[in-house]
């Protein structure tokens, strides 16, 4: 699942783009991804659109962006964030 992907991202140094769109991810999964984004230094693009992150999940991702040094592109469309 997404936990395993997030755990792998913490150690990955070559992957630059990842699409997790349309995977029914919620705020708990967003937290896992956010934790990975805080550590990963190679990912430049992540697509998280068409999930169910909601405001709480979006907040987790936003907090991770404060320390992420590599991410330059983020897609969060259609996530019930309003």
N, C-alpha and C. Protein backbone atom coordinates (compact mmCIF):
# COMPACT_ATOMS: atom_id res chain seq x y z
N UNK A 1 0.80 -1.18 0.00
CA UNK A 1 0.00 0.00 0.00
C UNK A 1 0.86 1.26 0.00
N UNK A 2 0.20 2.36 0.27
CA UNK A 2 0.88 3.65 0.23
C UNK A 2 1.92 3.77 1.35
N UNK A 3 1.74 3.10 2.46
CA UNK A 3 2.73 3.14 3.54
C UNK A 3 4.05 2.57 3.06
N UNK A 4 4.00 1.48 2.34
CA UNK A 4 5.22 0.87 1.81
C UNK A 4 5.90 1.77 0.78
N UNK A 5 5.09 2.42 -0.05
CA UNK A 5 5.65 3.35 -1.04
C UNK A 5 6.29 4.54 -0.32
N UNK A 6 5.60 5.08 0.66
CA UNK A 6 6.13 6.21 1.42
C UNK A 6 7.43 5.83 2.14
N UNK A 7 7.47 4.64 2.72
CA UNK A 7 8.69 4.19 3.39
C UNK A 7 9.84 4.08 2.41
N UNK A 8 9.56 3.58 1.22
CA UNK A 8 10.61 3.45 0.19
C UNK A 8 11.09 4.83 -0.27
N UNK A 9 10.19 5.79 -0.35
CA UNK A 9 10.56 7.15 -0.77
C UNK A 9 11.56 7.80 0.18
N UNK A 10 11.52 7.41 1.42
CA UNK A 10 12.44 7.98 2.41
C UNK A 10 13.90 7.67 2.07
N UNK A 11 14.12 6.57 1.36
CA UNK A 11 15.48 6.13 1.06
C UNK A 11 15.83 6.23 -0.42
N UNK A 12 14.84 6.48 -1.26
CA UNK A 12 15.07 6.54 -2.69
C UNK A 12 15.79 7.81 -3.08
N UNK A 13 16.78 7.69 -3.96
CA UNK A 13 17.54 8.87 -4.40
C UNK A 13 17.48 9.08 -5.91
N UNK A 14 16.69 8.27 -6.62
CA UNK A 14 16.66 8.41 -8.08
C UNK A 14 15.29 8.73 -8.66
N UNK A 15 14.22 8.36 -8.01
CA UNK A 15 12.87 8.64 -8.53
C UNK A 15 12.59 10.13 -8.45
N UNK A 16 12.16 10.72 -9.57
CA UNK A 16 11.88 12.16 -9.58
C UNK A 16 10.40 12.49 -9.72
N UNK A 17 9.59 11.55 -10.18
CA UNK A 17 8.16 11.80 -10.38
C UNK A 17 7.35 10.60 -9.90
N UNK A 18 6.25 10.89 -9.21
CA UNK A 18 5.40 9.82 -8.69
C UNK A 18 3.94 10.21 -8.83
N UNK A 19 3.14 9.31 -9.38
CA UNK A 19 1.71 9.52 -9.48
C UNK A 19 0.98 8.57 -8.54
N UNK A 20 0.25 9.15 -7.61
CA UNK A 20 -0.62 8.37 -6.72
C UNK A 20 -2.07 8.82 -6.89
N UNK A 21 -2.37 9.38 -8.06
CA UNK A 21 -3.73 9.89 -8.27
C UNK A 21 -4.72 8.74 -8.41
N UNK A 22 -5.94 9.03 -8.02
CA UNK A 22 -7.06 8.07 -8.10
C UNK A 22 -6.78 6.77 -7.37
N UNK A 23 -6.26 6.88 -6.16
CA UNK A 23 -5.96 5.70 -5.35
C UNK A 23 -6.75 5.65 -4.05
N UNK A 24 -7.78 6.49 -3.94
CA UNK A 24 -8.63 6.53 -2.75
C UNK A 24 -7.84 6.80 -1.48
N UNK A 25 -6.82 7.66 -1.59
CA UNK A 25 -6.02 8.02 -0.42
C UNK A 25 -6.77 9.02 0.44
N UNK A 26 -6.72 8.82 1.74
CA UNK A 26 -7.33 9.73 2.70
C UNK A 26 -6.28 10.50 3.47
N UNK A 27 -6.71 11.16 4.55
CA UNK A 27 -5.76 11.98 5.30
C UNK A 27 -4.68 11.15 5.99
N UNK A 28 -4.98 9.94 6.38
CA UNK A 28 -3.96 9.08 7.01
C UNK A 28 -2.85 8.75 6.01
N UNK A 29 -3.24 8.45 4.79
CA UNK A 29 -2.25 8.16 3.74
C UNK A 29 -1.47 9.43 3.39
N UNK A 30 -2.14 10.57 3.43
CA UNK A 30 -1.46 11.84 3.16
C UNK A 30 -0.37 12.08 4.19
N UNK A 31 -0.61 11.70 5.43
CA UNK A 31 0.40 11.83 6.48
C UNK A 31 1.62 10.97 6.16
N UNK A 32 1.40 9.76 5.68
CA UNK A 32 2.51 8.88 5.31
C UNK A 32 3.34 9.51 4.18
N UNK A 33 2.65 10.03 3.18
CA UNK A 33 3.33 10.68 2.05
C UNK A 33 4.08 11.91 2.54
N UNK A 34 3.44 12.71 3.39
CA UNK A 34 4.07 13.92 3.91
C UNK A 34 5.34 13.60 4.69
N UNK A 35 5.30 12.56 5.49
CA UNK A 35 6.50 12.15 6.24
C UNK A 35 7.64 11.81 5.29
N UNK A 36 7.32 11.16 4.19
CA UNK A 36 8.33 10.81 3.19
C UNK A 36 8.86 12.05 2.49
N UNK A 37 7.98 13.01 2.19
CA UNK A 37 8.41 14.23 1.51
C UNK A 37 9.36 15.05 2.36
N UNK A 38 9.24 14.94 3.66
CA UNK A 38 10.14 15.66 4.55
C UNK A 38 11.58 15.15 4.45
N UNK A 39 11.73 13.90 4.05
CA UNK A 39 13.04 13.25 4.02
C UNK A 39 13.60 13.12 2.61
N UNK A 40 12.74 12.82 1.64
CA UNK A 40 13.18 12.58 0.26
C UNK A 40 13.80 13.83 -0.35
N UNK A 41 14.91 13.64 -1.07
CA UNK A 41 15.59 14.78 -1.70
C UNK A 41 15.65 14.69 -3.22
N UNK A 42 15.01 13.69 -3.81
CA UNK A 42 15.07 13.55 -5.27
C UNK A 42 13.74 13.79 -5.97
N UNK A 43 12.64 13.62 -5.28
CA UNK A 43 11.33 13.76 -5.90
C UNK A 43 11.05 15.22 -6.25
N UNK A 44 10.78 15.48 -7.52
CA UNK A 44 10.48 16.85 -7.95
C UNK A 44 9.00 17.03 -8.28
N UNK A 45 8.29 15.94 -8.51
CA UNK A 45 6.87 16.03 -8.88
C UNK A 45 6.09 14.90 -8.22
N UNK A 46 4.93 15.26 -7.65
CA UNK A 46 4.04 14.24 -7.11
C UNK A 46 2.60 14.60 -7.48
N UNK A 47 1.90 13.63 -7.99
CA UNK A 47 0.51 13.79 -8.41
C UNK A 47 -0.39 13.07 -7.41
N UNK A 48 -1.17 13.84 -6.68
CA UNK A 48 -2.05 13.27 -5.66
C UNK A 48 -3.52 13.58 -5.94
N UNK A 49 -3.83 13.99 -7.14
CA UNK A 49 -5.19 14.36 -7.49
C UNK A 49 -6.16 13.19 -7.46
N UNK A 50 -7.44 13.54 -7.35
CA UNK A 50 -8.54 12.58 -7.40
C UNK A 50 -8.45 11.54 -6.28
N UNK A 51 -8.19 12.02 -5.08
CA UNK A 51 -8.19 11.19 -3.88
C UNK A 51 -9.16 11.81 -2.88
N UNK A 52 -9.01 11.49 -1.62
CA UNK A 52 -9.90 11.99 -0.57
C UNK A 52 -9.08 12.58 0.58
N UNK A 53 -8.07 13.37 0.26
CA UNK A 53 -7.18 13.91 1.28
C UNK A 53 -7.89 14.83 2.24
N UNK A 54 -8.83 15.63 1.74
CA UNK A 54 -9.56 16.57 2.59
C UNK A 54 -8.64 17.63 3.16
N UNK A 55 -9.20 18.55 3.97
CA UNK A 55 -8.40 19.63 4.54
C UNK A 55 -7.26 19.14 5.42
N UNK A 56 -7.51 18.10 6.19
CA UNK A 56 -6.48 17.58 7.10
C UNK A 56 -5.30 17.00 6.33
N UNK A 57 -5.57 16.24 5.28
CA UNK A 57 -4.51 15.69 4.45
C UNK A 57 -3.74 16.76 3.72
N UNK A 58 -4.45 17.78 3.24
CA UNK A 58 -3.80 18.89 2.56
C UNK A 58 -2.88 19.64 3.52
N UNK A 59 -3.30 19.78 4.76
CA UNK A 59 -2.47 20.43 5.78
C UNK A 59 -1.19 19.64 6.03
N UNK A 60 -1.30 18.33 6.06
CA UNK A 60 -0.11 17.48 6.24
C UNK A 60 0.89 17.70 5.10
N UNK A 61 0.38 17.71 3.88
CA UNK A 61 1.25 17.92 2.71
C UNK A 61 1.85 19.32 2.76
N UNK A 62 1.06 20.32 3.10
CA UNK A 62 1.55 21.70 3.18
C UNK A 62 2.67 21.83 4.20
N UNK A 63 2.52 21.20 5.34
CA UNK A 63 3.56 21.25 6.36
C UNK A 63 4.86 20.60 5.87
N UNK A 64 4.73 19.53 5.11
CA UNK A 64 5.91 18.86 4.57
C UNK A 64 6.63 19.74 3.55
N UNK A 65 5.87 20.53 2.81
CA UNK A 65 6.47 21.41 1.80
C UNK A 65 7.38 22.47 2.43
N UNK A 66 7.16 22.76 3.68
CA UNK A 66 7.98 23.76 4.36
C UNK A 66 9.44 23.31 4.49
N UNK A 67 9.66 21.99 4.48
CA UNK A 67 11.02 21.47 4.62
C UNK A 67 11.52 20.71 3.39
N UNK A 68 10.63 20.42 2.47
CA UNK A 68 11.04 19.71 1.25
C UNK A 68 11.96 20.59 0.42
N UNK A 69 13.08 20.03 -0.02
CA UNK A 69 14.05 20.82 -0.77
C UNK A 69 14.03 20.54 -2.27
N UNK A 70 13.31 19.52 -2.70
CA UNK A 70 13.37 19.14 -4.11
C UNK A 70 12.05 19.28 -4.86
N UNK A 71 10.93 19.20 -4.19
CA UNK A 71 9.63 19.19 -4.86
C UNK A 71 9.34 20.53 -5.53
N UNK A 72 9.05 20.49 -6.82
CA UNK A 72 8.74 21.72 -7.57
C UNK A 72 7.35 21.67 -8.20
N UNK A 73 6.71 20.50 -8.22
CA UNK A 73 5.40 20.36 -8.84
C UNK A 73 4.52 19.45 -7.98
N UNK A 74 3.32 19.92 -7.69
CA UNK A 74 2.39 19.19 -6.84
C UNK A 74 0.98 19.34 -7.40
N UNK A 75 0.28 18.22 -7.57
CA UNK A 75 -1.11 18.25 -8.04
C UNK A 75 -2.00 17.70 -6.95
N UNK A 76 -2.92 18.54 -6.47
CA UNK A 76 -3.86 18.14 -5.43
C UNK A 76 -5.32 18.30 -5.85
N UNK A 77 -5.58 18.49 -7.13
CA UNK A 77 -6.93 18.71 -7.61
C UNK A 77 -7.90 17.59 -7.26
N UNK A 78 -9.14 17.94 -7.05
CA UNK A 78 -10.22 16.99 -6.78
C UNK A 78 -9.94 16.13 -5.54
N UNK A 79 -9.67 16.81 -4.42
CA UNK A 79 -9.38 16.12 -3.17
C UNK A 79 -10.28 16.54 -2.01
N UNK A 80 -11.38 17.21 -2.32
CA UNK A 80 -12.33 17.63 -1.27
C UNK A 80 -11.62 18.48 -0.22
N UNK A 81 -10.80 19.43 -0.67
CA UNK A 81 -10.00 20.25 0.23
C UNK A 81 -10.72 21.51 0.71
N UNK A 82 -11.64 22.00 -0.02
CA UNK A 82 -12.36 23.25 0.24
C UNK A 82 -12.10 23.85 1.55
